Amino acid sequence: MLVLTRKPKQQIMVGDDIIINIVEVQGDNVRIAIDAPRSIKIYRGEIYHAIQEENKQAAAPVPMNLDLKGALPK
């Protein structure tokens, strides 16, 4: 992990095409702006983890404890 100290209006470059701008610092809060190609998905950490958890649950196998007796008409 890289830890940097930046001031407002300073930038962090990630590769050749992602720029992180420090917009404002107020107490414990830091506002950033991210300039990246549209093909790069950017999520807040908690949203990303929620999406991952939903994907895991959706991909989980469904138990097949079906009792089909009487389910089909004669």
C-alpha atoms as a PDB file:
ATOM      1  CA  MET A   1       0.000   0.000   0.000  1.00  0.00           C
ATOM      2  CA  LEU A   2       1.265   3.441  -0.914  1.00  0.00           C
ATOM      3  CA  VAL A   3       0.453   6.208   1.571  1.00  0.00           C
ATOM      4  CA  LEU A   4       0.775   9.792   0.335  1.00  0.00           C
ATOM      5  CA  THR A   5       0.271  13.210   1.856  1.00  0.00           C
ATOM      6  CA  ARG A   6      -1.393  15.688  -0.500  1.00  0.00           C
ATOM      7  CA  LYS A   7      -2.803  19.193  -0.150  1.00  0.00           C
ATOM      8  CA  PRO A   8      -5.854  20.664  -1.880  1.00  0.00           C
ATOM      9  CA  LYS A   9      -5.355  21.196  -5.624  1.00  0.00           C
ATOM     10  CA  GLN A  10      -2.593  18.578  -5.739  1.00  0.00           C
ATOM     11  CA  GLN A  11      -2.916  15.410  -7.781  1.00  0.00           C
ATOM     12  CA  ILE A  12      -2.066  11.730  -7.744  1.00  0.00           C
ATOM     13  CA  MET A  13      -1.468   9.981 -11.076  1.00  0.00           C
ATOM     14  CA  VAL A  14      -2.427   6.314 -11.446  1.00  0.00           C
ATOM     15  CA  GLY A  15      -0.895   4.990 -14.639  1.00  0.00           C
ATOM     16  CA  ASP A  16      -1.135   7.233 -17.681  1.00  0.00           C
ATOM     17  CA  ASP A  17      -4.843   7.949 -17.688  1.00  0.00           C
ATOM     18  CA  ILE A  18      -6.205   8.203 -14.135  1.00  0.00           C
ATOM     19  CA  ILE A  19      -5.864  11.432 -12.171  1.00  0.00           C
ATOM     20  CA  ILE A  20      -6.973  11.807  -8.555  1.00  0.00           C
ATOM     21  CA  ASN A  21      -7.429  15.454  -7.574  1.00  0.00           C
ATOM     22  CA  ILE A  22      -7.564  16.539  -3.944  1.00  0.00           C
ATOM     23  CA  VAL A  23     -10.461  19.009  -3.948  1.00  0.00           C
ATOM     24  CA  GLU A  24     -10.900  19.901  -0.298  1.00  0.00           C
ATOM     25  CA  VAL A  25      -9.864  18.881   3.193  1.00  0.00           C
ATOM     26  CA  GLN A  26     -12.195  19.657   6.132  1.00  0.00           C
ATOM     27  CA  GLY A  27     -11.226  18.066   9.418  1.00  0.00           C
ATOM     28  CA  ASP A  28     -11.364  14.281   8.932  1.00  0.00           C
ATOM     29  CA  ASN A  29     -13.011  14.542   5.500  1.00  0.00           C
ATOM     30  CA  VAL A  30     -11.177  14.653   2.194  1.00  0.00           C
ATOM     31  CA  ARG A  31     -13.028  15.389  -1.054  1.00  0.00           C
ATOM     32  CA  ILE A  32     -11.441  13.929  -4.145  1.00  0.00           C
ATOM     33  CA  ALA A  33     -12.265  14.048  -7.836  1.00  0.00           C
ATOM     34  CA  ILE A  34     -11.268  11.147 -10.080  1.00  0.00           C
ATOM     35  CA  ASP A  35     -10.657  11.659 -13.786  1.00  0.00           C
ATOM     36  CA  ALA A  36     -10.566   8.277 -15.519  1.00  0.00           C
ATOM     37  CA  PRO A  37     -11.689   6.718 -18.801  1.00  0.00           C
ATOM     38  CA  ARG A  38     -15.346   5.658 -18.882  1.00  0.00           C
ATOM     39  CA  SER A  39     -14.233   2.053 -19.282  1.00  0.00           C
ATOM     40  CA  ILE A  40     -12.833   2.119 -15.723  1.00  0.00           C
ATOM     41  CA  LYS A  41     -15.477   1.345 -13.101  1.00  0.00           C
ATOM     42  CA  ILE A  42     -15.111   3.377  -9.917  1.00  0.00           C
ATOM     43  CA  TYR A  43     -17.026   2.474  -6.742  1.00  0.00           C
ATOM     44  CA  ARG A  44     -16.928   3.510  -3.117  1.00  0.00           C
ATOM     45  CA  GLY A  45     -15.464   0.664  -1.070  1.00  0.00           C
ATOM     46  CA  GLU A  46     -18.666  -0.229   0.778  1.00  0.00           C
ATOM     47  CA  ILE A  47     -20.681  -0.284  -2.468  1.00  0.00           C
ATOM     48  CA  TYR A  48     -18.084  -2.486  -4.183  1.00  0.00           C
ATOM     49  CA  HIS A  49     -18.149  -4.987  -1.303  1.00  0.00           C
ATOM     50  CA  ALA A  50     -21.970  -5.047  -1.308  1.00  0.00           C
ATOM     51  CA  ILE A  51     -21.973  -5.794  -5.057  1.00  0.00           C
ATOM     52  CA  GLN A  52     -19.442  -8.594  -4.552  1.00  0.00           C
ATOM     53  CA  GLU A  53     -21.542 -10.121  -1.772  1.00  0.00           C
ATOM     54  CA  GLU A  54     -24.713  -9.974  -3.900  1.00  0.00           C
ATOM     55  CA  ASN A  55     -22.862 -11.628  -6.778  1.00  0.00           C
ATOM     56  CA  LYS A  56     -21.682 -14.443  -4.492  1.00  0.00           C
ATOM     57  CA  GLN A  57     -25.207 -15.021  -3.226  1.00  0.00           C
ATOM     58  CA  ALA A  58     -26.656 -14.985  -6.749  1.00  0.00           C
ATOM     59  CA  ALA A  59     -24.070 -17.511  -7.934  1.00  0.00           C
ATOM     60  CA  ALA A  60     -24.602 -19.874  -4.990  1.00  0.00           C
ATOM     61  CA  PRO A  61     -26.239 -23.171  -5.900  1.00  0.00           C
ATOM     62  CA  VAL A  62     -29.903 -23.503  -5.019  1.00  0.00           C
ATOM     63  CA  PRO A  63     -30.704 -26.566  -2.888  1.00  0.00           C
ATOM     64  CA  MET A  64     -32.738 -29.084  -4.851  1.00  0.00           C
ATOM     65  CA  ASN A  65     -34.927 -30.525  -2.093  1.00  0.00           C
ATOM     66  CA  LEU A  66     -38.039 -30.580  -4.247  1.00  0.00           C
ATOM     67  CA  ASP A  67     -40.798 -33.040  -3.572  1.00  0.00           C
ATOM     68  CA  LEU A  68     -42.472 -33.441  -6.927  1.00  0.00           C
ATOM     69  CA  LYS A  69     -45.106 -35.938  -5.764  1.00  0.00           C
ATOM     70  CA  GLY A  70     -48.465 -34.485  -6.680  1.00  0.00           C
ATOM     71  CA  ALA A  71     -46.914 -31.506  -8.427  1.00  0.00           C
ATOM     72  CA  LEU A  72     -47.856 -32.684 -11.917  1.00  0.00           C
ATOM     73  CA  PRO A  73     -51.452 -33.254 -13.055  1.00  0.00           C
ATOM     74  CA  LYS A  74     -52.412 -36.839 -13.966  1.00  0.00           C
END
